[in-house]
Amino acid sequence: MVKQGRAVWASVIVFFAGMGVAFAQGGTQAITLTDPLGGSESFTTVATAVASFLFWDIAMPLSVIMVLVGAFKFMTSAGDPEKVSEARKTILYAALGFAIACLCGAITNIIKSFVTGS
């Protein structure tokens, strides 16, 4: 028991001593951050960036994942009518969610055209 305690303390000391050496060799280094909106903060740029993020990075993958979950439920239902119904509802709701996401993208474009006047 005592040997294990000493080994733990020795590894902690070596860890922190190694951190000091690693940080001591770095010096100062400039960190640059890129603007995710493309450099312009106009309404149309922000609306397009937000709509694009919500559609391509959230709605699309989530819809695909939910369709796959529904398909898995359907395959593992073993003919049970309740489980088949639940699987069909999962796929239906995934399709409805994707359709709503598509409509939101269209609504964003309509609002942009009203605001910009084009």
N, C-alpha and C. Protein backbone atom coordinates (compact mmCIF):
# COMPACT_ATOMS: atom_id res chain seq x y z
N MET A 1 0.82 -1.18 0.00
CA MET A 1 0.00 0.00 0.00
C MET A 1 0.87 1.25 0.00
N VAL A 2 1.93 1.23 0.78
CA VAL A 2 2.82 2.39 0.86
C VAL A 2 3.55 2.59 -0.46
N LYS A 3 3.95 1.49 -1.10
CA LYS A 3 4.66 1.59 -2.37
C LYS A 3 3.77 2.20 -3.44
N GLN A 4 2.49 1.87 -3.43
CA GLN A 4 1.56 2.44 -4.41
C GLN A 4 1.39 3.93 -4.18
N GLY A 5 1.32 4.36 -2.95
CA GLY A 5 1.19 5.78 -2.63
C GLY A 5 2.41 6.57 -3.08
N ARG A 6 3.59 6.00 -2.87
CA ARG A 6 4.81 6.66 -3.31
C ARG A 6 4.87 6.75 -4.82
N ALA A 7 4.41 5.72 -5.51
CA ALA A 7 4.42 5.72 -6.97
C ALA A 7 3.46 6.77 -7.51
N VAL A 8 2.33 6.94 -6.87
CA VAL A 8 1.36 7.96 -7.31
C VAL A 8 1.96 9.35 -7.12
N TRP A 9 2.55 9.60 -5.94
CA TRP A 9 3.15 10.92 -5.69
C TRP A 9 4.32 11.18 -6.64
N ALA A 10 5.10 10.18 -6.91
CA ALA A 10 6.23 10.36 -7.83
C ALA A 10 5.73 10.69 -9.23
N SER A 11 4.67 10.04 -9.68
CA SER A 11 4.15 10.33 -11.02
C SER A 11 3.53 11.73 -11.07
N VAL A 12 2.90 12.18 -9.99
CA VAL A 12 2.35 13.54 -9.94
C VAL A 12 3.47 14.56 -10.01
N ILE A 13 4.54 14.36 -9.27
CA ILE A 13 5.67 15.29 -9.28
C ILE A 13 6.32 15.33 -10.66
N VAL A 14 6.52 14.18 -11.27
CA VAL A 14 7.11 14.14 -12.61
C VAL A 14 6.19 14.84 -13.61
N PHE A 15 4.90 14.67 -13.47
CA PHE A 15 3.95 15.31 -14.39
C PHE A 15 4.05 16.82 -14.30
N PHE A 16 4.00 17.36 -13.08
CA PHE A 16 4.06 18.82 -12.93
C PHE A 16 5.42 19.37 -13.30
N ALA A 17 6.48 18.64 -13.03
CA ALA A 17 7.81 19.10 -13.43
C ALA A 17 7.93 19.12 -14.95
N GLY A 18 7.36 18.16 -15.61
CA GLY A 18 7.36 18.13 -17.07
C GLY A 18 6.55 19.26 -17.66
N MET A 19 5.46 19.64 -17.00
CA MET A 19 4.66 20.77 -17.49
C MET A 19 5.45 22.05 -17.44
N GLY A 20 6.21 22.25 -16.38
CA GLY A 20 7.02 23.46 -16.27
C GLY A 20 8.05 23.55 -17.37
N VAL A 21 8.66 22.46 -17.69
CA VAL A 21 9.64 22.44 -18.77
C VAL A 21 8.97 22.71 -20.10
N ALA A 22 7.81 22.14 -20.34
CA ALA A 22 7.11 22.32 -21.62
C ALA A 22 6.67 23.77 -21.80
N PHE A 23 6.18 24.41 -20.74
CA PHE A 23 5.74 25.79 -20.86
C PHE A 23 6.92 26.75 -20.92
N ALA A 24 8.05 26.39 -20.33
CA ALA A 24 9.19 27.29 -20.31
C ALA A 24 9.80 27.45 -21.69
N GLN A 25 9.68 26.49 -22.58
CA GLN A 25 10.30 26.56 -23.88
C GLN A 25 9.46 27.28 -24.91
N GLY A 26 8.20 27.61 -24.62
CA GLY A 26 7.31 28.17 -25.62
C GLY A 26 7.58 29.61 -25.97
N GLY A 27 7.79 30.50 -25.02
CA GLY A 27 7.94 31.92 -25.30
C GLY A 27 6.58 32.52 -25.63
N THR A 28 6.59 33.70 -26.25
CA THR A 28 5.33 34.35 -26.62
C THR A 28 5.00 34.01 -28.06
N GLN A 29 3.74 33.79 -28.29
CA GLN A 29 3.29 33.42 -29.63
C GLN A 29 1.95 34.10 -29.87
N ALA A 30 1.82 34.74 -31.02
CA ALA A 30 0.58 35.43 -31.34
C ALA A 30 -0.50 34.43 -31.72
N ILE A 31 -1.70 34.68 -31.26
CA ILE A 31 -2.84 33.84 -31.59
C ILE A 31 -3.77 34.65 -32.48
N THR A 32 -4.12 34.11 -33.63
CA THR A 32 -5.03 34.81 -34.53
C THR A 32 -6.34 34.04 -34.62
N LEU A 33 -7.43 34.77 -34.57
CA LEU A 33 -8.75 34.19 -34.68
C LEU A 33 -9.39 34.65 -35.98
N THR A 34 -9.99 33.75 -36.70
CA THR A 34 -10.65 34.12 -37.95
C THR A 34 -12.11 34.44 -37.68
N ASP A 35 -12.65 35.34 -38.46
CA ASP A 35 -14.04 35.74 -38.32
C ASP A 35 -14.92 34.69 -39.00
N PRO A 36 -15.79 34.00 -38.28
CA PRO A 36 -16.61 32.96 -38.89
C PRO A 36 -17.67 33.50 -39.83
N LEU A 37 -17.94 34.80 -39.77
CA LEU A 37 -18.97 35.38 -40.63
C LEU A 37 -18.40 35.92 -41.93
N GLY A 38 -17.12 35.79 -42.15
CA GLY A 38 -16.55 36.22 -43.41
C GLY A 38 -16.07 37.66 -43.43
N GLY A 39 -15.97 38.32 -42.31
CA GLY A 39 -15.41 39.65 -42.26
C GLY A 39 -16.42 40.79 -42.31
N SER A 40 -17.66 40.52 -42.60
CA SER A 40 -18.68 41.56 -42.67
C SER A 40 -19.81 41.21 -41.72
N GLU A 41 -20.25 42.16 -40.95
CA GLU A 41 -21.32 41.91 -40.00
C GLU A 41 -22.63 42.55 -40.44
N SER A 42 -22.92 42.57 -41.72
CA SER A 42 -24.21 43.09 -42.18
C SER A 42 -25.30 42.07 -41.87
N PHE A 43 -26.54 42.52 -41.92
CA PHE A 43 -27.65 41.63 -41.59
C PHE A 43 -27.70 40.44 -42.53
N THR A 44 -27.52 40.68 -43.80
CA THR A 44 -27.63 39.58 -44.76
C THR A 44 -26.53 38.55 -44.56
N THR A 45 -25.33 39.00 -44.24
CA THR A 45 -24.23 38.06 -44.00
C THR A 45 -24.48 37.23 -42.76
N VAL A 46 -24.94 37.87 -41.70
CA VAL A 46 -25.21 37.15 -40.45
C VAL A 46 -26.36 36.18 -40.64
N ALA A 47 -27.44 36.62 -41.29
CA ALA A 47 -28.59 35.74 -41.50
C ALA A 47 -28.21 34.54 -42.37
N THR A 48 -27.43 34.78 -43.41
CA THR A 48 -27.01 33.68 -44.27
C THR A 48 -26.11 32.71 -43.51
N ALA A 49 -25.19 33.22 -42.70
CA ALA A 49 -24.28 32.36 -41.94
C ALA A 49 -25.03 31.53 -40.91
N VAL A 50 -25.97 32.15 -40.22
CA VAL A 50 -26.73 31.43 -39.20
C VAL A 50 -27.63 30.37 -39.84
N ALA A 51 -28.32 30.73 -40.92
CA ALA A 51 -29.20 29.77 -41.60
C ALA A 51 -28.39 28.62 -42.18
N SER A 52 -27.25 28.93 -42.74
CA SER A 52 -26.40 27.88 -43.30
C SER A 52 -25.92 26.93 -42.21
N PHE A 53 -25.50 27.49 -41.07
CA PHE A 53 -25.04 26.66 -39.96
C PHE A 53 -26.16 25.76 -39.45
N LEU A 54 -27.33 26.34 -39.23
CA LEU A 54 -28.44 25.56 -38.70
C LEU A 54 -28.87 24.47 -39.66
N PHE A 55 -28.84 24.76 -40.96
CA PHE A 55 -29.31 23.77 -41.92
C PHE A 55 -28.26 22.69 -42.16
N TRP A 56 -27.04 23.09 -42.55
CA TRP A 56 -26.04 22.10 -42.96
C TRP A 56 -25.36 21.43 -41.78
N ASP A 57 -25.19 22.11 -40.68
CA ASP A 57 -24.44 21.52 -39.56
C ASP A 57 -25.31 20.89 -38.49
N ILE A 58 -26.60 21.23 -38.45
CA ILE A 58 -27.46 20.66 -37.42
C ILE A 58 -28.60 19.86 -38.03
N ALA A 59 -29.41 20.48 -38.89
CA ALA A 59 -30.62 19.83 -39.39
C ALA A 59 -30.31 18.63 -40.28
N MET A 60 -29.38 18.78 -41.21
CA MET A 60 -29.07 17.67 -42.12
C MET A 60 -28.55 16.44 -41.37
N PRO A 61 -27.48 16.56 -40.56
CA PRO A 61 -26.99 15.36 -39.87
C PRO A 61 -28.02 14.78 -38.90
N LEU A 62 -28.76 15.65 -38.20
CA LEU A 62 -29.75 15.16 -37.25
C LEU A 62 -30.87 14.41 -37.96
N SER A 63 -31.29 14.90 -39.12
CA SER A 63 -32.33 14.20 -39.88
C SER A 63 -31.85 12.83 -40.35
N VAL A 64 -30.63 12.79 -40.85
CA VAL A 64 -30.09 11.50 -41.30
C VAL A 64 -29.97 10.53 -40.14
N ILE A 65 -29.49 11.00 -39.01
CA ILE A 65 -29.34 10.13 -37.83
C ILE A 65 -30.70 9.61 -37.37
N MET A 66 -31.72 10.48 -37.36
CA MET A 66 -33.03 10.04 -36.91
C MET A 66 -33.68 9.05 -37.88
N VAL A 67 -33.45 9.24 -39.19
CA VAL A 67 -33.95 8.25 -40.15
C VAL A 67 -33.27 6.91 -39.92
N LEU A 68 -31.97 6.93 -39.65
CA LEU A 68 -31.26 5.68 -39.37
C LEU A 68 -31.75 5.03 -38.08
N VAL A 69 -32.05 5.84 -37.07
CA VAL A 69 -32.61 5.30 -35.82
C VAL A 69 -33.96 4.66 -36.10
N GLY A 70 -34.80 5.34 -36.88
CA GLY A 70 -36.10 4.77 -37.23
C GLY A 70 -35.97 3.48 -38.02
N ALA A 71 -35.01 3.45 -38.95
CA ALA A 71 -34.79 2.23 -39.73
C ALA A 71 -34.30 1.09 -38.83
N PHE A 72 -33.44 1.41 -37.87
CA PHE A 72 -32.97 0.39 -36.94
C PHE A 72 -34.12 -0.14 -36.09
N LYS A 73 -34.98 0.77 -35.62
CA LYS A 73 -36.15 0.34 -34.85
C LYS A 73 -37.06 -0.54 -35.70
N PHE A 74 -37.20 -0.18 -36.97
CA PHE A 74 -38.06 -0.96 -37.87
C PHE A 74 -37.49 -2.36 -38.08
N MET A 75 -36.17 -2.44 -38.27
CA MET A 75 -35.55 -3.75 -38.50
C MET A 75 -35.57 -4.63 -37.26
N THR A 76 -35.49 -4.03 -36.09
CA THR A 76 -35.45 -4.81 -34.85
C THR A 76 -36.83 -4.97 -34.21
N SER A 77 -37.88 -4.58 -34.92
CA SER A 77 -39.22 -4.66 -34.33
C SER A 77 -39.75 -6.09 -34.26
N ALA A 78 -39.22 -6.98 -35.08
CA ALA A 78 -39.61 -8.40 -35.10
C ALA A 78 -41.11 -8.58 -35.33
N GLY A 79 -41.70 -7.66 -36.11
CA GLY A 79 -43.11 -7.79 -36.45
C GLY A 79 -44.08 -7.28 -35.41
N ASP A 80 -43.59 -6.76 -34.31
CA ASP A 80 -44.45 -6.22 -33.27
C ASP A 80 -45.11 -4.94 -33.79
N PRO A 81 -46.45 -4.91 -33.89
CA PRO A 81 -47.12 -3.75 -34.48
C PRO A 81 -46.84 -2.43 -33.75
N GLU A 82 -46.69 -2.48 -32.44
CA GLU A 82 -46.41 -1.26 -31.68
C GLU A 82 -45.02 -0.70 -32.00
N LYS A 83 -44.04 -1.59 -32.11
CA LYS A 83 -42.68 -1.16 -32.43
C LYS A 83 -42.58 -0.67 -33.87
N VAL A 84 -43.32 -1.31 -34.78
CA VAL A 84 -43.33 -0.88 -36.18
C VAL A 84 -43.94 0.52 -36.28
N SER A 85 -45.01 0.75 -35.54
CA SER A 85 -45.64 2.07 -35.52
C SER A 85 -44.69 3.12 -34.96
N GLU A 86 -43.97 2.78 -33.91
CA GLU A 86 -43.01 3.72 -33.33
C GLU A 86 -41.88 4.04 -34.32
N ALA A 87 -41.42 3.02 -35.05
CA ALA A 87 -40.36 3.24 -36.04
C ALA A 87 -40.86 4.13 -37.17
N ARG A 88 -42.08 3.90 -37.64
CA ARG A 88 -42.63 4.75 -38.70
C ARG A 88 -42.80 6.19 -38.23
N LYS A 89 -43.22 6.37 -36.98
CA LYS A 89 -43.35 7.73 -36.44
C LYS A 89 -41.99 8.42 -36.36
N THR A 90 -40.96 7.69 -35.98
CA THR A 90 -39.61 8.27 -35.91
C THR A 90 -39.16 8.75 -37.28
N ILE A 91 -39.37 7.94 -38.30
CA ILE A 91 -38.98 8.33 -39.66
C ILE A 91 -39.84 9.49 -40.15
N LEU A 92 -41.13 9.46 -39.86
CA LEU A 92 -42.03 10.55 -40.26
C LEU A 92 -41.62 11.86 -39.60
N TYR A 93 -41.34 11.83 -38.30
CA TYR A 93 -40.95 13.05 -37.60
C TYR A 93 -39.60 13.57 -38.09
N ALA A 94 -38.69 12.68 -38.46
CA ALA A 94 -37.41 13.11 -39.02
C ALA A 94 -37.64 13.82 -40.35
N ALA A 95 -38.52 13.28 -41.18
CA ALA A 95 -38.83 13.91 -42.46
C ALA A 95 -39.53 15.26 -42.26
N LEU A 96 -40.45 15.32 -41.30
CA LEU A 96 -41.12 16.59 -41.01
C LEU A 96 -40.14 17.64 -40.47
N GLY A 97 -39.24 17.23 -39.63
CA GLY A 97 -38.22 18.14 -39.11
C GLY A 97 -37.33 18.68 -40.21
N PHE A 98 -36.96 17.81 -41.15
CA PHE A 98 -36.14 18.25 -42.28
C PHE A 98 -36.92 19.22 -43.16
N ALA A 99 -38.20 18.96 -43.38
CA ALA A 99 -39.03 19.86 -44.19
C ALA A 99 -39.16 21.23 -43.51
N ILE A 100 -39.34 21.23 -42.20
CA ILE A 100 -39.42 22.50 -41.47
C ILE A 100 -38.10 23.25 -41.56
N ALA A 101 -36.98 22.55 -41.49
CA ALA A 101 -35.68 23.20 -41.63
C ALA A 101 -35.53 23.82 -43.02
N CYS A 102 -36.02 23.13 -44.04
CA CYS A 102 -35.98 23.69 -45.40
C CYS A 102 -36.84 24.94 -45.49
N LEU A 103 -38.02 24.91 -44.88
CA LEU A 103 -38.90 26.08 -44.88
C LEU A 103 -38.26 27.25 -44.14
N CYS A 104 -37.56 26.97 -43.07
CA CYS A 104 -36.89 28.04 -42.32
C CYS A 104 -35.82 28.71 -43.17
N GLY A 105 -35.12 27.94 -43.98
CA GLY A 105 -34.14 28.53 -44.89
C GLY A 105 -34.81 29.42 -45.91
N ALA A 106 -35.97 29.00 -46.41
CA ALA A 106 -36.71 29.82 -47.37
C ALA A 106 -37.24 31.09 -46.71
N ILE A 107 -37.71 30.96 -45.48
CA ILE A 107 -38.22 32.14 -44.76
C ILE A 107 -37.09 33.13 -44.51
N THR A 108 -35.91 32.64 -44.22
CA THR A 108 -34.75 33.52 -44.04
C THR A 108 -34.47 34.30 -45.32
N ASN A 109 -34.54 33.62 -46.46
CA ASN A 109 -34.31 34.30 -47.73
C ASN A 109 -35.39 35.34 -48.01
N ILE A 110 -36.63 35.06 -47.65
CA ILE A 110 -37.72 36.03 -47.85
C ILE A 110 -37.50 37.26 -46.97
N ILE A 111 -37.13 37.05 -45.72
CA ILE A 111 -36.87 38.18 -44.81
C ILE A 111 -35.69 39.00 -45.33
N LYS A 112 -34.64 38.33 -45.82
CA LYS A 112 -33.49 39.06 -46.37
C LYS A 112 -33.91 39.93 -47.56
N SER A 113 -34.79 39.40 -48.42
CA SER A 113 -35.21 40.18 -49.59
C SER A 113 -36.05 41.39 -49.17
N PHE A 114 -36.85 41.28 -48.11
CA PHE A 114 -37.61 42.43 -47.62
C PHE A 114 -36.69 43.49 -47.01
N VAL A 115 -35.70 43.04 -46.25
CA VAL A 115 -34.82 43.97 -45.57
C VAL A 115 -33.91 44.70 -46.56
N THR A 116 -33.36 43.96 -47.50
CA THR A 116 -32.42 44.57 -48.45
C THR A 116 -33.12 45.24 -49.62
N GLY A 117 -34.38 44.92 -49.86
CA GLY A 117 -35.13 45.54 -50.93
C GLY A 117 -34.85 44.95 -52.30
N SER A 118 -34.25 43.78 -52.35
CA SER A 118 -33.98 43.18 -53.67
C SER A 118 -34.86 41.98 -53.91
